[in-house]
Amino acid sequence: MTLDEVKIGGECSVEDVFADGALGQRLLDMGFVPGTRIKIIRNAPLVDPVEIFIKGYFLSLRHAEAKTVEVVLL
């Protein structure tokens, strides 16, 4: 399952990041490492971006970016 498929209010854990290059490095720098817990807070009114809570801070990601993060539901 990928991060963009998790429902609002859902909690999950990062399994892997499949992004390459600068996007992959940026996601890792923001804390998307295996085992990190994530909570989905809300979607923007037009669905994109999605707001998440990760490692003590709120972060907004486009769905295209969220598709590169494999997660498992908790």
N, C-alpha and C. Protein backbone atom coordinates (compact mmCIF):
# COMPACT_ATOMS: atom_id res chain seq x y z
N MET A 1 0.86 -1.17 0.00
CA MET A 1 0.00 0.00 0.00
C MET A 1 0.91 1.23 0.00
N THR A 2 0.47 2.29 -0.67
CA THR A 2 1.26 3.52 -0.69
C THR A 2 0.57 4.59 0.16
N LEU A 3 1.34 5.61 0.53
CA LEU A 3 0.86 6.64 1.44
C LEU A 3 -0.37 7.36 0.91
N ASP A 4 -0.50 7.53 -0.39
CA ASP A 4 -1.65 8.25 -0.94
C ASP A 4 -2.95 7.46 -0.81
N GLU A 5 -2.89 6.17 -0.48
CA GLU A 5 -4.07 5.33 -0.36
C GLU A 5 -4.63 5.27 1.07
N VAL A 6 -3.90 5.81 2.04
CA VAL A 6 -4.34 5.76 3.44
C VAL A 6 -5.44 6.79 3.65
N LYS A 7 -6.49 6.40 4.33
CA LYS A 7 -7.65 7.26 4.58
C LYS A 7 -7.33 8.33 5.63
N ILE A 8 -8.12 9.40 5.64
CA ILE A 8 -7.97 10.47 6.62
C ILE A 8 -8.14 9.89 8.03
N GLY A 9 -7.24 10.23 8.92
CA GLY A 9 -7.27 9.72 10.29
C GLY A 9 -6.51 8.42 10.45
N GLY A 10 -6.11 7.81 9.34
CA GLY A 10 -5.39 6.55 9.39
C GLY A 10 -3.94 6.72 9.83
N GLU A 11 -3.42 5.70 10.48
CA GLU A 11 -2.03 5.70 10.90
C GLU A 11 -1.31 4.57 10.21
N CYS A 12 -0.06 4.83 9.86
CA CYS A 12 0.72 3.82 9.14
C CYS A 12 2.19 3.97 9.51
N SER A 13 2.97 3.04 9.02
CA SER A 13 4.41 3.03 9.24
C SER A 13 5.11 2.92 7.89
N VAL A 14 6.18 3.66 7.71
CA VAL A 14 6.93 3.64 6.45
C VAL A 14 7.63 2.29 6.28
N GLU A 15 7.48 1.69 5.10
CA GLU A 15 8.18 0.46 4.77
C GLU A 15 9.38 0.76 3.87
N ASP A 16 9.15 1.60 2.84
CA ASP A 16 10.20 1.90 1.87
C ASP A 16 9.85 3.15 1.08
N VAL A 17 10.84 3.79 0.49
CA VAL A 17 10.65 4.95 -0.37
C VAL A 17 11.21 4.59 -1.74
N PHE A 18 10.36 4.72 -2.77
CA PHE A 18 10.75 4.33 -4.12
C PHE A 18 11.13 5.49 -5.02
N ALA A 19 11.17 6.70 -4.49
CA ALA A 19 11.53 7.87 -5.30
C ALA A 19 13.04 7.89 -5.55
N ASP A 20 13.41 8.38 -6.72
CA ASP A 20 14.82 8.49 -7.08
C ASP A 20 15.26 9.94 -7.04
N GLY A 21 16.54 10.14 -7.09
CA GLY A 21 17.11 11.47 -7.23
C GLY A 21 16.79 12.41 -6.09
N ALA A 22 16.55 13.67 -6.47
CA ALA A 22 16.33 14.72 -5.48
C ALA A 22 15.08 14.48 -4.63
N LEU A 23 13.99 13.97 -5.24
CA LEU A 23 12.77 13.70 -4.48
C LEU A 23 13.02 12.63 -3.42
N GLY A 24 13.69 11.57 -3.79
CA GLY A 24 13.99 10.50 -2.84
C GLY A 24 14.82 11.00 -1.68
N GLN A 25 15.83 11.80 -1.98
CA GLN A 25 16.68 12.35 -0.93
C GLN A 25 15.91 13.31 -0.04
N ARG A 26 15.04 14.13 -0.65
CA ARG A 26 14.24 15.08 0.13
C ARG A 26 13.30 14.36 1.09
N LEU A 27 12.65 13.28 0.61
CA LEU A 27 11.75 12.51 1.48
C LEU A 27 12.53 11.89 2.64
N LEU A 28 13.69 11.34 2.37
CA LEU A 28 14.51 10.77 3.44
C LEU A 28 14.92 11.85 4.44
N ASP A 29 15.29 13.02 3.94
CA ASP A 29 15.69 14.12 4.83
C ASP A 29 14.53 14.59 5.71
N MET A 30 13.29 14.48 5.21
CA MET A 30 12.12 14.90 5.99
C MET A 30 11.68 13.84 6.98
N GLY A 31 12.31 12.67 6.98
CA GLY A 31 12.00 11.66 7.98
C GLY A 31 11.29 10.43 7.48
N PHE A 32 11.15 10.26 6.18
CA PHE A 32 10.48 9.08 5.63
C PHE A 32 11.46 7.91 5.56
N VAL A 33 11.81 7.39 6.72
CA VAL A 33 12.70 6.24 6.81
C VAL A 33 11.91 5.06 7.35
N PRO A 34 12.31 3.84 7.03
CA PRO A 34 11.56 2.67 7.49
C PRO A 34 11.32 2.68 9.00
N GLY A 35 10.07 2.39 9.37
CA GLY A 35 9.67 2.34 10.77
C GLY A 35 9.04 3.62 11.29
N THR A 36 9.14 4.71 10.54
CA THR A 36 8.57 5.98 10.99
C THR A 36 7.05 5.93 10.93
N ARG A 37 6.40 6.39 12.01
CA ARG A 37 4.93 6.41 12.07
C ARG A 37 4.41 7.69 11.44
N ILE A 38 3.30 7.57 10.71
CA ILE A 38 2.67 8.70 10.02
C ILE A 38 1.18 8.66 10.30
N LYS A 39 0.59 9.84 10.50
CA LYS A 39 -0.86 9.95 10.63
C LYS A 39 -1.36 10.90 9.54
N ILE A 40 -2.42 10.50 8.85
CA ILE A 40 -3.03 11.33 7.81
C ILE A 40 -3.99 12.29 8.50
N ILE A 41 -3.78 13.59 8.32
CA ILE A 41 -4.60 14.60 8.97
C ILE A 41 -5.78 15.01 8.11
N ARG A 42 -5.51 15.45 6.87
CA ARG A 42 -6.60 15.86 5.98
C ARG A 42 -6.08 16.05 4.56
N ASN A 43 -7.04 16.10 3.63
CA ASN A 43 -6.75 16.45 2.24
C ASN A 43 -7.18 17.89 2.03
N ALA A 44 -6.52 18.56 1.11
CA ALA A 44 -6.92 19.92 0.74
C ALA A 44 -8.30 19.84 0.06
N PRO A 45 -9.01 20.96 -0.03
CA PRO A 45 -10.35 20.94 -0.63
C PRO A 45 -10.40 20.33 -2.03
N LEU A 46 -9.37 20.52 -2.81
CA LEU A 46 -9.33 19.94 -4.15
C LEU A 46 -8.50 18.64 -4.17
N VAL A 47 -8.42 17.97 -3.04
CA VAL A 47 -7.79 16.67 -2.82
C VAL A 47 -6.27 16.75 -2.71
N ASP A 48 -5.60 17.60 -3.45
CA ASP A 48 -4.14 17.65 -3.43
C ASP A 48 -3.69 18.97 -2.83
N PRO A 49 -2.82 19.05 -1.87
CA PRO A 49 -2.00 18.02 -1.26
C PRO A 49 -2.68 17.37 -0.05
N VAL A 50 -2.00 16.40 0.50
CA VAL A 50 -2.46 15.72 1.70
C VAL A 50 -1.58 16.20 2.87
N GLU A 51 -2.21 16.46 4.01
CA GLU A 51 -1.46 16.89 5.20
C GLU A 51 -1.25 15.69 6.10
N ILE A 52 -0.01 15.50 6.54
CA ILE A 52 0.33 14.37 7.40
C ILE A 52 1.06 14.89 8.64
N PHE A 53 1.11 14.04 9.66
CA PHE A 53 1.87 14.32 10.87
C PHE A 53 2.95 13.26 10.97
N ILE A 54 4.21 13.71 10.95
CA ILE A 54 5.35 12.80 10.96
C ILE A 54 6.45 13.38 11.84
N LYS A 55 6.97 12.59 12.75
CA LYS A 55 8.09 12.97 13.61
C LYS A 55 7.88 14.30 14.33
N GLY A 56 6.65 14.57 14.78
CA GLY A 56 6.39 15.76 15.57
C GLY A 56 6.08 17.02 14.79
N TYR A 57 5.94 16.94 13.48
CA TYR A 57 5.58 18.12 12.71
C TYR A 57 4.58 17.79 11.61
N PHE A 58 3.89 18.82 11.13
CA PHE A 58 2.92 18.66 10.06
C PHE A 58 3.61 18.93 8.73
N LEU A 59 3.22 18.15 7.72
CA LEU A 59 3.85 18.23 6.41
C LEU A 59 2.79 18.02 5.34
N SER A 60 2.87 18.78 4.26
CA SER A 60 1.95 18.59 3.13
C SER A 60 2.72 18.00 1.96
N LEU A 61 2.14 16.97 1.36
CA LEU A 61 2.75 16.29 0.20
C LEU A 61 1.74 16.21 -0.93
N ARG A 62 2.22 16.33 -2.14
CA ARG A 62 1.37 16.06 -3.30
C ARG A 62 1.12 14.55 -3.35
N HIS A 63 0.00 14.17 -3.93
CA HIS A 63 -0.31 12.73 -4.04
C HIS A 63 0.72 12.01 -4.90
N ALA A 64 1.27 12.68 -5.91
CA ALA A 64 2.30 12.07 -6.75
C ALA A 64 3.54 11.73 -5.91
N GLU A 65 3.86 12.55 -4.93
CA GLU A 65 4.99 12.27 -4.04
C GLU A 65 4.63 11.17 -3.05
N ALA A 66 3.40 11.21 -2.54
CA ALA A 66 2.95 10.20 -1.57
C ALA A 66 2.90 8.80 -2.19
N LYS A 67 2.72 8.72 -3.50
CA LYS A 67 2.69 7.41 -4.17
C LYS A 67 4.04 6.70 -4.14
N THR A 68 5.11 7.43 -3.85
CA THR A 68 6.44 6.82 -3.84
C THR A 68 6.82 6.27 -2.47
N VAL A 69 5.91 6.40 -1.49
CA VAL A 69 6.19 5.92 -0.12
C VAL A 69 5.32 4.71 0.16
N GLU A 70 5.96 3.55 0.34
CA GLU A 70 5.23 2.32 0.68
C GLU A 70 5.06 2.28 2.20
N VAL A 71 3.81 1.98 2.64
CA VAL A 71 3.50 1.96 4.06
C VAL A 71 2.73 0.69 4.42
N VAL A 72 2.65 0.44 5.72
CA VAL A 72 1.80 -0.62 6.26
C VAL A 72 0.92 0.03 7.32
N LEU A 73 -0.36 -0.31 7.31
CA LEU A 73 -1.31 0.25 8.27
C LEU A 73 -1.03 -0.28 9.67
N LEU A 74 -1.30 0.57 10.66
CA LEU A 74 -1.11 0.17 12.06
C LEU A 74 -2.44 -0.15 12.69
